[in-house]
Amino acid sequence: MAEIFVGIGSNIDREQHIASGIDMLREAFGELSLSPIYESESFGFSGPSFFNLVARFESSKKIGEVLAELKRIEAANGRVHGAKKFASRTLDIDILLYDDVVCSQPCELPRGEVLENAFVLRPLAELAGERIHPIAKQSYHALWQAFDKQYQPLNRVSLTC
């Protein structure tokens, strides 16, 4: 069984799509561990603020099979694939970590956003703080402590999923 961490985000009907996405992840993969949810400004474009969190689960599915399931969940929540990268979206679910795999196909692992975006790193550090990033060779807690927190401010959101 692989230990998998995914980033979940939405800035269109945020509460509805985050809750639906989490429910569908539970149906597809079973028990989830969830980070707190954070609100952050849109990054790379002008749009409504996002809700973001990280989920952890275990699965025997291969990376490509997990990706296909995540795309199915996104589509079921109205996500249009092939749209602009930096745009509003109903639901975005990305594999951040798949065990300690480092690869570029079928997706980049670990996902580059882990080291670049507060809305990914902070919830990951809270969920898996002692895990070691397979390239940076530092714990996610240490990476978060060193991150420039003023660059991308986050606000914790009280939302039960």
Protein backbone atom coordinates (compact mmCIF):
# COMPACT_ATOMS: atom_id res chain seq x y z
CA MET A 1 0.00 0.00 0.00
CA ALA A 2 1.32 3.39 -0.99
CA GLU A 3 0.94 6.41 1.29
CA ILE A 4 -0.51 9.19 -0.87
CA PHE A 5 -0.96 12.89 -0.13
CA VAL A 6 -3.18 15.04 -2.34
CA GLY A 7 -3.79 18.77 -2.41
CA ILE A 8 -7.43 19.83 -2.70
CA GLY A 9 -8.56 23.32 -3.71
CA SER A 10 -11.62 25.23 -4.86
CA ASN A 11 -12.61 28.83 -5.45
CA ILE A 12 -16.08 28.28 -6.97
CA ASP A 13 -18.81 27.23 -4.49
CA ARG A 14 -15.89 26.33 -2.23
CA GLU A 15 -17.71 24.68 0.67
CA GLN A 16 -19.85 22.52 -1.60
CA HIS A 17 -17.01 21.31 -3.85
CA ILE A 18 -14.51 20.72 -1.05
CA ALA A 19 -17.08 18.64 0.87
CA SER A 20 -18.12 16.72 -2.25
CA GLY A 21 -14.51 16.08 -3.24
CA ILE A 22 -13.67 14.74 0.23
CA ASP A 23 -16.76 12.49 0.20
CA MET A 24 -15.80 11.12 -3.21
CA LEU A 25 -12.18 10.58 -2.12
CA ARG A 26 -13.48 8.57 0.87
CA GLU A 27 -15.66 6.49 -1.46
CA ALA A 28 -12.73 5.82 -3.79
CA PHE A 29 -9.89 5.33 -1.30
CA GLY A 30 -11.37 4.72 2.14
CA GLU A 31 -10.17 6.39 5.32
CA LEU A 32 -8.67 9.86 4.93
CA SER A 33 -6.61 12.04 7.22
CA LEU A 34 -7.29 15.72 6.59
CA SER A 35 -5.31 18.85 7.32
CA PRO A 36 -7.02 22.05 8.41
CA ILE A 37 -8.53 24.10 5.59
CA TYR A 38 -6.92 27.40 4.63
CA GLU A 39 -8.13 30.33 2.60
CA SER A 40 -5.65 31.97 0.26
CA GLU A 41 -5.76 34.54 -2.48
CA SER A 42 -5.78 33.33 -6.06
CA PHE A 43 -2.22 32.71 -7.21
CA GLY A 44 -1.16 33.57 -10.75
CA PHE A 45 -4.46 35.23 -11.71
CA SER A 46 -7.12 37.57 -10.37
CA GLY A 47 -10.11 35.67 -8.98
CA PRO A 48 -11.98 34.68 -5.81
CA SER A 49 -9.97 33.29 -2.90
CA PHE A 50 -9.38 29.54 -2.66
CA PHE A 51 -10.01 27.03 0.09
CA ASN A 52 -7.13 24.51 0.23
CA LEU A 53 -6.25 21.47 2.29
CA VAL A 54 -4.27 18.24 2.08
CA ALA A 55 -5.63 14.72 2.42
CA ARG A 56 -3.70 11.53 3.17
CA PHE A 57 -4.77 8.01 2.30
CA GLU A 58 -3.33 4.63 1.42
CA SER A 59 -3.96 2.71 -1.78
CA SER A 60 -2.63 -0.21 -3.77
CA LYS A 61 -3.49 1.67 -6.99
CA LYS A 62 -0.64 2.74 -9.24
CA ILE A 63 0.06 6.44 -9.79
CA GLY A 64 -1.78 6.51 -13.14
CA GLU A 65 -4.82 4.83 -11.62
CA VAL A 66 -4.89 7.34 -8.76
CA LEU A 67 -4.61 10.22 -11.26
CA ALA A 68 -7.50 8.84 -13.30
CA GLU A 69 -9.67 8.60 -10.18
CA LEU A 70 -8.81 12.16 -9.16
CA LYS A 71 -9.71 13.45 -12.65
CA ARG A 72 -13.02 11.57 -12.44
CA ILE A 73 -13.79 13.21 -9.07
CA GLU A 74 -12.89 16.65 -10.44
CA ALA A 75 -15.11 16.13 -13.51
CA ALA A 76 -18.01 14.96 -11.33
CA ASN A 77 -17.69 18.32 -9.55
CA GLY A 78 -17.87 20.36 -12.73
CA ARG A 79 -14.15 20.77 -13.41
CA VAL A 80 -13.51 21.45 -17.08
CA HIS A 81 -10.19 19.99 -18.17
CA GLY A 82 -8.21 21.72 -20.86
CA ALA A 83 -9.15 25.16 -19.51
CA LYS A 84 -6.52 27.76 -18.65
CA LYS A 85 -4.06 26.68 -15.96
CA PHE A 86 -4.38 29.86 -13.92
CA ALA A 87 -8.16 30.21 -13.64
CA SER A 88 -10.98 29.70 -11.18
CA ARG A 89 -12.06 26.12 -10.66
CA THR A 90 -14.74 24.13 -8.93
CA LEU A 91 -12.34 21.45 -7.69
CA ASP A 92 -8.65 20.79 -8.13
CA ILE A 93 -7.06 17.63 -6.70
CA ASP A 94 -3.36 17.01 -7.28
CA ILE A 95 -1.10 14.20 -6.12
CA LEU A 96 1.60 15.82 -3.98
CA LEU A 97 3.39 12.69 -2.76
CA TYR A 98 3.15 9.01 -3.58
CA ASP A 99 5.35 7.34 -0.97
CA ASP A 100 8.83 8.75 -1.68
CA VAL A 101 8.57 8.36 -5.46
CA VAL A 102 10.48 10.90 -7.54
CA CYS A 103 9.35 11.00 -11.18
CA SER A 104 8.14 13.23 -13.99
CA GLN A 105 5.66 10.79 -15.60
CA PRO A 106 2.74 10.21 -15.39
CA CYS A 107 2.98 13.32 -13.17
CA GLU A 108 5.66 15.28 -11.35
CA LEU A 109 6.40 13.74 -7.94
CA PRO A 110 6.89 15.17 -5.49
CA ARG A 111 4.78 17.98 -6.91
CA GLY A 112 6.78 21.20 -7.27
CA GLU A 113 4.06 23.25 -5.57
CA VAL A 114 4.98 21.59 -2.28
CA LEU A 115 8.06 23.81 -2.02
CA GLU A 116 6.56 26.86 -3.77
CA ASN A 117 3.13 27.52 -2.29
CA ALA A 118 2.11 28.14 1.30
CA PHE A 119 -1.37 26.74 0.60
CA VAL A 120 0.26 23.37 -0.14
CA LEU A 121 3.24 23.32 2.23
CA ARG A 122 1.49 24.47 5.42
CA PRO A 123 -1.31 21.88 5.40
CA LEU A 124 1.18 19.18 4.32
CA ALA A 125 3.51 20.14 7.18
CA GLU A 126 0.60 19.92 9.61
CA LEU A 127 -0.43 16.50 8.33
CA ALA A 128 3.03 14.98 7.72
CA GLY A 129 5.49 17.29 9.45
CA GLU A 130 8.10 14.64 10.23
CA ARG A 131 8.14 13.12 6.73
CA ILE A 132 11.23 13.97 4.70
CA HIS A 133 10.91 15.58 1.27
CA PRO A 134 12.66 13.06 -1.04
CA ILE A 135 14.59 15.76 -2.94
CA ALA A 136 15.07 18.60 -0.43
CA LYS A 137 15.99 16.05 2.28
CA GLN A 138 14.29 18.13 4.98
CA SER A 139 11.14 17.50 6.96
CA TYR A 140 7.99 19.26 5.84
CA HIS A 141 7.88 20.92 9.25
CA ALA A 142 11.39 22.36 8.71
CA LEU A 143 10.51 23.43 5.18
CA TRP A 144 7.43 25.25 6.47
CA GLN A 145 9.42 26.93 9.26
CA ALA A 146 11.87 28.28 6.64
CA PHE A 147 9.13 29.39 4.22
CA ASP A 148 8.51 33.15 3.70
CA LYS A 149 5.03 33.26 5.24
CA GLN A 150 4.43 36.93 4.34
CA TYR A 151 4.70 36.13 0.65
CA GLN A 152 1.46 34.09 0.59
CA PRO A 153 -0.71 34.76 3.65
CA LEU A 154 -3.15 32.06 4.75
CA ASN A 155 -6.21 32.18 6.96
CA ARG A 156 -7.45 29.05 8.69
CA VAL A 157 -11.10 28.29 7.93
CA SER A 158 -13.59 26.56 10.24
CA LEU A 159 -15.29 24.12 7.91
CA THR A 160 -16.22 20.57 8.90
CA CYS A 161 -15.81 17.94 6.18
